[in-house]
Amino acid sequence: MAFQSLGPNDKSAVAKADYRAVQAQLAALGGRDVPPWLRSENALQDGSVPPGETAFAAVTKEDLLEVLAIRGPLHALDGWSYVGRALSALIAGDSHAARHLAYYGELRGALSLLASSGNRHLQ
């Protein structure tokens, strides 16, 4: 399997990311009954960010920030779930499934870290 490394623009964007806006958004959840996780006014009710530059550019900063803030912990939970299932598969002797599930656990962990790191455009 070939891995694609981050390009210079991607590395620069990650280096400039600021977690403070995401942290503040998560703190705001403390006063709400959840689920639902997103405000009813959020245009991204299913939590999916629209594909394509034009559609993505039309998303408000507030809606995007809310989705990013909520996705961080949810990706972490999913990642640990995959790791647990990978360990179960390993114990059962299914190394192929264990490797596959561990890989998805790693991907979810990376998504959690990236979502929790924030975005320089949301300040």
C-alpha atoms as a PDB file:
ATOM      1  CA  MET A   1       0.000   0.000   0.000  1.00  0.00           C
ATOM      2  CA  ALA A   2       1.435   3.367  -1.010  1.00  0.00           C
ATOM      3  CA  PHE A   3       1.009   6.278   1.356  1.00  0.00           C
ATOM      4  CA  GLN A   4       0.714   9.811   0.093  1.00  0.00           C
ATOM      5  CA  SER A   5       2.705  12.270   2.149  1.00  0.00           C
ATOM      6  CA  LEU A   6       1.526  15.769   2.915  1.00  0.00           C
ATOM      7  CA  GLY A   7       2.476  18.418   0.405  1.00  0.00           C
ATOM      8  CA  PRO A   8       4.056  21.752   1.392  1.00  0.00           C
ATOM      9  CA  ASN A   9       0.679  23.558   1.408  1.00  0.00           C
ATOM     10  CA  ASP A  10      -0.860  20.855   3.626  1.00  0.00           C
ATOM     11  CA  LYS A  11       2.056  20.973   6.066  1.00  0.00           C
ATOM     12  CA  SER A  12       1.828  24.750   6.231  1.00  0.00           C
ATOM     13  CA  ALA A  13      -1.937  24.632   6.918  1.00  0.00           C
ATOM     14  CA  VAL A  14      -1.498  22.089   9.720  1.00  0.00           C
ATOM     15  CA  ALA A  15       1.353  24.108  11.242  1.00  0.00           C
ATOM     16  CA  LYS A  16      -0.832  27.233  11.352  1.00  0.00           C
ATOM     17  CA  ALA A  17      -3.854  25.464  12.875  1.00  0.00           C
ATOM     18  CA  ASP A  18      -5.090  26.805  16.197  1.00  0.00           C
ATOM     19  CA  TYR A  19      -7.086  24.629  18.572  1.00  0.00           C
ATOM     20  CA  ARG A  20      -8.549  27.477  20.641  1.00  0.00           C
ATOM     21  CA  ALA A  21     -11.647  28.012  18.480  1.00  0.00           C
ATOM     22  CA  VAL A  22     -12.392  24.273  18.563  1.00  0.00           C
ATOM     23  CA  GLN A  23     -11.843  24.155  22.326  1.00  0.00           C
ATOM     24  CA  ALA A  24     -14.239  27.074  22.864  1.00  0.00           C
ATOM     25  CA  GLN A  25     -16.871  25.408  20.689  1.00  0.00           C
ATOM     26  CA  LEU A  26     -16.591  22.159  22.660  1.00  0.00           C
ATOM     27  CA  ALA A  27     -16.915  24.098  25.914  1.00  0.00           C
ATOM     28  CA  ALA A  28     -20.192  25.536  24.620  1.00  0.00           C
ATOM     29  CA  LEU A  29     -21.612  22.006  24.459  1.00  0.00           C
ATOM     30  CA  GLY A  30     -21.498  21.868  28.259  1.00  0.00           C
ATOM     31  CA  GLY A  31     -24.749  23.800  28.513  1.00  0.00           C
ATOM     32  CA  ARG A  32     -26.661  21.739  25.945  1.00  0.00           C
ATOM     33  CA  ASP A  33     -28.484  18.455  26.048  1.00  0.00           C
ATOM     34  CA  VAL A  34     -26.843  16.228  23.457  1.00  0.00           C
ATOM     35  CA  PRO A  35     -27.643  14.641  21.088  1.00  0.00           C
ATOM     36  CA  PRO A  36     -28.439  16.356  18.838  1.00  0.00           C
ATOM     37  CA  TRP A  37     -24.870  17.527  18.634  1.00  0.00           C
ATOM     38  CA  LEU A  38     -25.388  20.301  16.110  1.00  0.00           C
ATOM     39  CA  ARG A  39     -27.525  23.407  16.475  1.00  0.00           C
ATOM     40  CA  SER A  40     -30.792  23.141  14.565  1.00  0.00           C
ATOM     41  CA  GLU A  41     -29.657  26.138  12.465  1.00  0.00           C
ATOM     42  CA  ASN A  42     -26.494  24.365  11.287  1.00  0.00           C
ATOM     43  CA  ALA A  43     -26.705  23.702   7.543  1.00  0.00           C
ATOM     44  CA  LEU A  44     -24.551  20.582   7.920  1.00  0.00           C
ATOM     45  CA  GLN A  45     -27.050  18.529   9.936  1.00  0.00           C
ATOM     46  CA  ASP A  46     -25.615  15.175   8.897  1.00  0.00           C
ATOM     47  CA  GLY A  47     -22.109  16.312   9.901  1.00  0.00           C
ATOM     48  CA  SER A  48     -20.767  15.960   6.372  1.00  0.00           C
ATOM     49  CA  VAL A  49     -18.794  18.768   4.822  1.00  0.00           C
ATOM     50  CA  PRO A  50     -19.874  19.297   1.201  1.00  0.00           C
ATOM     51  CA  PRO A  51     -17.409  18.200  -1.479  1.00  0.00           C
ATOM     52  CA  GLY A  52     -16.003  20.672  -3.939  1.00  0.00           C
ATOM     53  CA  GLU A  53     -14.468  24.073  -3.388  1.00  0.00           C
ATOM     54  CA  THR A  54     -17.560  26.093  -4.291  1.00  0.00           C
ATOM     55  CA  ALA A  55     -19.904  24.193  -1.960  1.00  0.00           C
ATOM     56  CA  PHE A  56     -17.299  24.162   0.812  1.00  0.00           C
ATOM     57  CA  ALA A  57     -16.711  27.911   0.488  1.00  0.00           C
ATOM     58  CA  ALA A  58     -20.450  28.501   0.995  1.00  0.00           C
ATOM     59  CA  VAL A  59     -20.373  26.908   4.481  1.00  0.00           C
ATOM     60  CA  THR A  60     -20.349  29.480   7.273  1.00  0.00           C
ATOM     61  CA  LYS A  61     -17.413  29.520   9.684  1.00  0.00           C
ATOM     62  CA  GLU A  62     -19.776  28.932  12.591  1.00  0.00           C
ATOM     63  CA  ASP A  63     -21.302  25.798  11.005  1.00  0.00           C
ATOM     64  CA  LEU A  64     -17.918  24.416  10.013  1.00  0.00           C
ATOM     65  CA  LEU A  65     -16.404  25.078  13.418  1.00  0.00           C
ATOM     66  CA  GLU A  66     -19.263  23.300  15.142  1.00  0.00           C
ATOM     67  CA  VAL A  67     -18.875  20.230  12.911  1.00  0.00           C
ATOM     68  CA  LEU A  68     -15.092  20.146  13.375  1.00  0.00           C
ATOM     69  CA  ALA A  69     -15.351  20.494  17.146  1.00  0.00           C
ATOM     70  CA  ILE A  70     -17.805  17.639  17.428  1.00  0.00           C
ATOM     71  CA  ARG A  71     -15.995  15.388  14.979  1.00  0.00           C
ATOM     72  CA  GLY A  72     -12.752  15.375  16.991  1.00  0.00           C
ATOM     73  CA  PRO A  73     -14.050  13.408  19.989  1.00  0.00           C
ATOM     74  CA  LEU A  74     -16.346  11.264  17.850  1.00  0.00           C
ATOM     75  CA  HIS A  75     -13.447  10.205  15.611  1.00  0.00           C
ATOM     76  CA  ALA A  76     -11.426   9.374  18.749  1.00  0.00           C
ATOM     77  CA  LEU A  77     -14.216   7.143  20.053  1.00  0.00           C
ATOM     78  CA  ASP A  78     -14.541   5.410  16.699  1.00  0.00           C
ATOM     79  CA  GLY A  79     -10.766   4.956  16.533  1.00  0.00           C
ATOM     80  CA  TRP A  80     -10.608   3.253  19.920  1.00  0.00           C
ATOM     81  CA  SER A  81     -13.542   1.057  18.905  1.00  0.00           C
ATOM     82  CA  TYR A  82     -11.581  -0.096  15.857  1.00  0.00           C
ATOM     83  CA  VAL A  83      -8.495  -0.743  18.001  1.00  0.00           C
ATOM     84  CA  GLY A  84     -10.555  -2.849  20.404  1.00  0.00           C
ATOM     85  CA  ARG A  85     -11.990  -4.862  17.532  1.00  0.00           C
ATOM     86  CA  ALA A  86      -8.482  -5.253  16.119  1.00  0.00           C
ATOM     87  CA  LEU A  87      -7.279  -6.704  19.419  1.00  0.00           C
ATOM     88  CA  SER A  88     -10.251  -9.050  19.498  1.00  0.00           C
ATOM     89  CA  ALA A  89      -9.447 -10.236  15.974  1.00  0.00           C
ATOM     90  CA  LEU A  90      -5.802 -10.727  16.916  1.00  0.00           C
ATOM     91  CA  ILE A  91      -6.752 -12.825  19.928  1.00  0.00           C
ATOM     92  CA  ALA A  92      -9.052 -14.874  17.680  1.00  0.00           C
ATOM     93  CA  GLY A  93      -6.104 -15.525  15.357  1.00  0.00           C
ATOM     94  CA  ASP A  94      -7.348 -13.427  12.444  1.00  0.00           C
ATOM     95  CA  SER A  95      -4.273 -11.335  11.688  1.00  0.00           C
ATOM     96  CA  HIS A  96      -5.694 -10.000   8.416  1.00  0.00           C
ATOM     97  CA  ALA A  97      -8.781  -8.546  10.137  1.00  0.00           C
ATOM     98  CA  ALA A  98      -6.616  -7.292  13.021  1.00  0.00           C
ATOM     99  CA  ARG A  99      -4.337  -5.397  10.639  1.00  0.00           C
ATOM    100  CA  HIS A 100      -7.304  -3.996   8.713  1.00  0.00           C
ATOM    101  CA  LEU A 101      -9.134  -2.821  11.843  1.00  0.00           C
ATOM    102  CA  ALA A 102      -5.973  -1.372  13.405  1.00  0.00           C
ATOM    103  CA  TYR A 103      -5.388   0.603  10.206  1.00  0.00           C
ATOM    104  CA  TYR A 104      -8.875   2.127  10.438  1.00  0.00           C
ATOM    105  CA  GLY A 105      -8.291   2.863  14.116  1.00  0.00           C
ATOM    106  CA  GLU A 106      -5.147   4.743  13.147  1.00  0.00           C
ATOM    107  CA  LEU A 107      -6.988   6.709  10.455  1.00  0.00           C
ATOM    108  CA  ARG A 108      -9.734   7.707  12.872  1.00  0.00           C
ATOM    109  CA  GLY A 109      -7.106   8.752  15.412  1.00  0.00           C
ATOM    110  CA  ALA A 110      -5.453  10.976  12.820  1.00  0.00           C
ATOM    111  CA  LEU A 111      -8.815  12.497  11.871  1.00  0.00           C
ATOM    112  CA  SER A 112      -9.511  13.170  15.548  1.00  0.00           C
ATOM    113  CA  LEU A 113      -6.193  14.953  15.990  1.00  0.00           C
ATOM    114  CA  LEU A 114      -6.657  17.026  12.853  1.00  0.00           C
ATOM    115  CA  ALA A 115     -10.237  18.010  13.717  1.00  0.00           C
ATOM    116  CA  SER A 116      -9.236  18.905  17.280  1.00  0.00           C
ATOM    117  CA  SER A 117      -6.287  20.969  16.068  1.00  0.00           C
ATOM    118  CA  GLY A 118      -8.558  23.550  14.538  1.00  0.00           C
ATOM    119  CA  ASN A 119      -8.122  25.546  11.418  1.00  0.00           C
ATOM    120  CA  ARG A 120      -6.407  28.868  10.834  1.00  0.00           C
ATOM    121  CA  HIS A 121      -9.399  30.034   8.742  1.00  0.00           C
ATOM    122  CA  LEU A 122     -11.820  29.749  11.647  1.00  0.00           C
ATOM    123  CA  GLN A 123     -10.286  32.456  13.802  1.00  0.00           C
END
